[in-house]
Amino acid sequence: MTLKRSRFDVAEHLGSPEMIAAYLAEVFAHGDAKHIAHALGTASSWKAR
C-alpha cells in the first residue's frame, strides 16, 4: 500500500491577522533566519489571498 502525500500550506491555516502575528512571533523567537524568511513569505502569501 502506498501513501498519497500532499503539500502542507501553513497559509491555509492562518485565518486572521492575529494568527499571523502569533505565528511570526513564534518563528522569530527561535531566531533561525531560514525559518524567518519562509514565515515572512508564508504570511505575505496569506495576505495576497
N, C-alpha and C. Protein backbone atom coordinates (compact mmCIF):
# COMPACT_ATOMS: atom_id res chain seq x y z
N MET A 1 0.84 -1.18 0.00
CA MET A 1 0.00 0.00 0.00
C MET A 1 0.89 1.25 0.00
N THR A 2 0.59 2.18 -0.86
CA THR A 2 1.35 3.42 -0.91
C THR A 2 0.51 4.55 -0.33
N LEU A 3 1.20 5.45 0.31
CA LEU A 3 0.52 6.60 0.89
C LEU A 3 0.58 7.76 -0.08
N LYS A 4 -0.52 8.47 -0.19
CA LYS A 4 -0.55 9.66 -1.03
C LYS A 4 -0.30 10.86 -0.13
N ARG A 5 0.71 11.63 -0.47
CA ARG A 5 1.06 12.81 0.32
C ARG A 5 0.67 14.07 -0.43
N SER A 6 0.33 15.07 0.33
CA SER A 6 0.05 16.38 -0.27
C SER A 6 0.90 17.43 0.43
N ARG A 7 1.09 18.53 -0.23
CA ARG A 7 1.92 19.60 0.33
C ARG A 7 1.12 20.37 1.38
N PHE A 8 1.73 20.57 2.55
CA PHE A 8 1.10 21.32 3.63
C PHE A 8 1.39 22.80 3.44
N ASP A 9 0.35 23.61 3.43
CA ASP A 9 0.49 25.06 3.26
C ASP A 9 0.01 25.76 4.52
N VAL A 10 0.94 26.29 5.30
CA VAL A 10 0.60 26.97 6.56
C VAL A 10 -0.37 28.12 6.30
N ALA A 11 -0.21 28.81 5.18
CA ALA A 11 -1.05 29.97 4.88
C ALA A 11 -2.54 29.61 4.87
N GLU A 12 -2.87 28.37 4.52
CA GLU A 12 -4.27 27.96 4.52
C GLU A 12 -4.85 27.90 5.94
N HIS A 13 -4.00 27.84 6.94
CA HIS A 13 -4.45 27.69 8.32
C HIS A 13 -4.34 28.99 9.13
N LEU A 14 -3.86 30.03 8.50
CA LEU A 14 -3.77 31.33 9.16
C LEU A 14 -5.06 32.10 8.83
N GLY A 15 -5.95 32.18 9.79
CA GLY A 15 -7.27 32.73 9.50
C GLY A 15 -7.46 34.19 9.84
N SER A 16 -6.48 34.81 10.46
CA SER A 16 -6.67 36.20 10.86
C SER A 16 -5.31 36.87 11.05
N PRO A 17 -5.29 38.18 11.06
CA PRO A 17 -4.03 38.88 11.33
C PRO A 17 -3.43 38.51 12.69
N GLU A 18 -4.28 38.22 13.66
CA GLU A 18 -3.79 37.82 14.98
C GLU A 18 -3.06 36.48 14.93
N MET A 19 -3.59 35.55 14.12
CA MET A 19 -2.94 34.25 13.97
C MET A 19 -1.60 34.39 13.26
N ILE A 20 -1.54 35.29 12.28
CA ILE A 20 -0.28 35.55 11.58
C ILE A 20 0.74 36.13 12.56
N ALA A 21 0.30 37.07 13.38
CA ALA A 21 1.20 37.68 14.36
C ALA A 21 1.74 36.64 15.33
N ALA A 22 0.89 35.74 15.79
CA ALA A 22 1.32 34.69 16.72
C ALA A 22 2.31 33.74 16.04
N TYR A 23 2.02 33.39 14.79
CA TYR A 23 2.90 32.51 14.01
C TYR A 23 4.28 33.16 13.83
N LEU A 24 4.30 34.42 13.42
CA LEU A 24 5.56 35.12 13.22
C LEU A 24 6.32 35.30 14.53
N ALA A 25 5.61 35.59 15.61
CA ALA A 25 6.26 35.75 16.92
C ALA A 25 6.96 34.46 17.32
N GLU A 26 6.31 33.32 17.09
CA GLU A 26 6.91 32.03 17.44
C GLU A 26 8.15 31.76 16.59
N VAL A 27 8.07 32.05 15.31
CA VAL A 27 9.21 31.82 14.43
C VAL A 27 10.38 32.74 14.80
N PHE A 28 10.09 34.00 15.05
CA PHE A 28 11.14 34.95 15.43
C PHE A 28 11.78 34.56 16.77
N ALA A 29 11.00 33.98 17.66
CA ALA A 29 11.53 33.58 18.97
C ALA A 29 12.62 32.53 18.83
N HIS A 30 12.52 31.70 17.80
CA HIS A 30 13.54 30.67 17.58
C HIS A 30 14.78 31.23 16.90
N GLY A 31 14.65 32.34 16.17
CA GLY A 31 15.80 33.04 15.64
C GLY A 31 16.51 32.43 14.44
N ASP A 32 15.92 31.43 13.80
CA ASP A 32 16.55 30.80 12.63
C ASP A 32 16.20 31.61 11.38
N ALA A 33 17.21 32.20 10.75
CA ALA A 33 17.00 33.10 9.61
C ALA A 33 16.26 32.42 8.46
N LYS A 34 16.55 31.16 8.21
CA LYS A 34 15.88 30.43 7.13
C LYS A 34 14.39 30.30 7.42
N HIS A 35 14.04 29.96 8.65
CA HIS A 35 12.63 29.82 9.01
C HIS A 35 11.92 31.17 9.03
N ILE A 36 12.63 32.20 9.45
CA ILE A 36 12.04 33.55 9.45
C ILE A 36 11.71 33.97 8.02
N ALA A 37 12.62 33.75 7.10
CA ALA A 37 12.38 34.11 5.70
C ALA A 37 11.19 33.35 5.15
N HIS A 38 11.11 32.07 5.46
CA HIS A 38 9.99 31.26 4.99
C HIS A 38 8.67 31.74 5.59
N ALA A 39 8.68 32.05 6.88
CA ALA A 39 7.47 32.52 7.56
C ALA A 39 6.99 33.86 6.99
N LEU A 40 7.90 34.74 6.69
CA LEU A 40 7.52 36.02 6.10
C LEU A 40 6.88 35.81 4.72
N GLY A 41 7.43 34.90 3.95
CA GLY A 41 6.83 34.57 2.66
C GLY A 41 5.45 33.96 2.81
N THR A 42 5.29 33.10 3.80
CA THR A 42 4.00 32.48 4.07
C THR A 42 2.97 33.54 4.48
N ALA A 43 3.37 34.43 5.36
CA ALA A 43 2.46 35.48 5.82
C ALA A 43 2.06 36.40 4.65
N SER A 44 3.00 36.70 3.79
CA SER A 44 2.66 37.57 2.66
C SER A 44 1.78 36.86 1.64
N SER A 45 1.91 35.54 1.52
CA SER A 45 1.03 34.81 0.59
C SER A 45 -0.39 34.77 1.14
N TRP A 46 -0.53 34.69 2.48
CA TRP A 46 -1.87 34.73 3.07
C TRP A 46 -2.48 36.09 2.82
N LYS A 47 -1.70 37.13 2.98
CA LYS A 47 -2.18 38.49 2.80
C LYS A 47 -2.65 38.73 1.36
N ALA A 48 -2.00 38.07 0.40
CA ALA A 48 -2.33 38.25 -1.02
C ALA A 48 -3.63 37.54 -1.42
N ARG A 49 -4.12 36.66 -0.59
CA ARG A 49 -5.34 35.89 -0.93
C ARG A 49 -6.58 36.71 -0.88
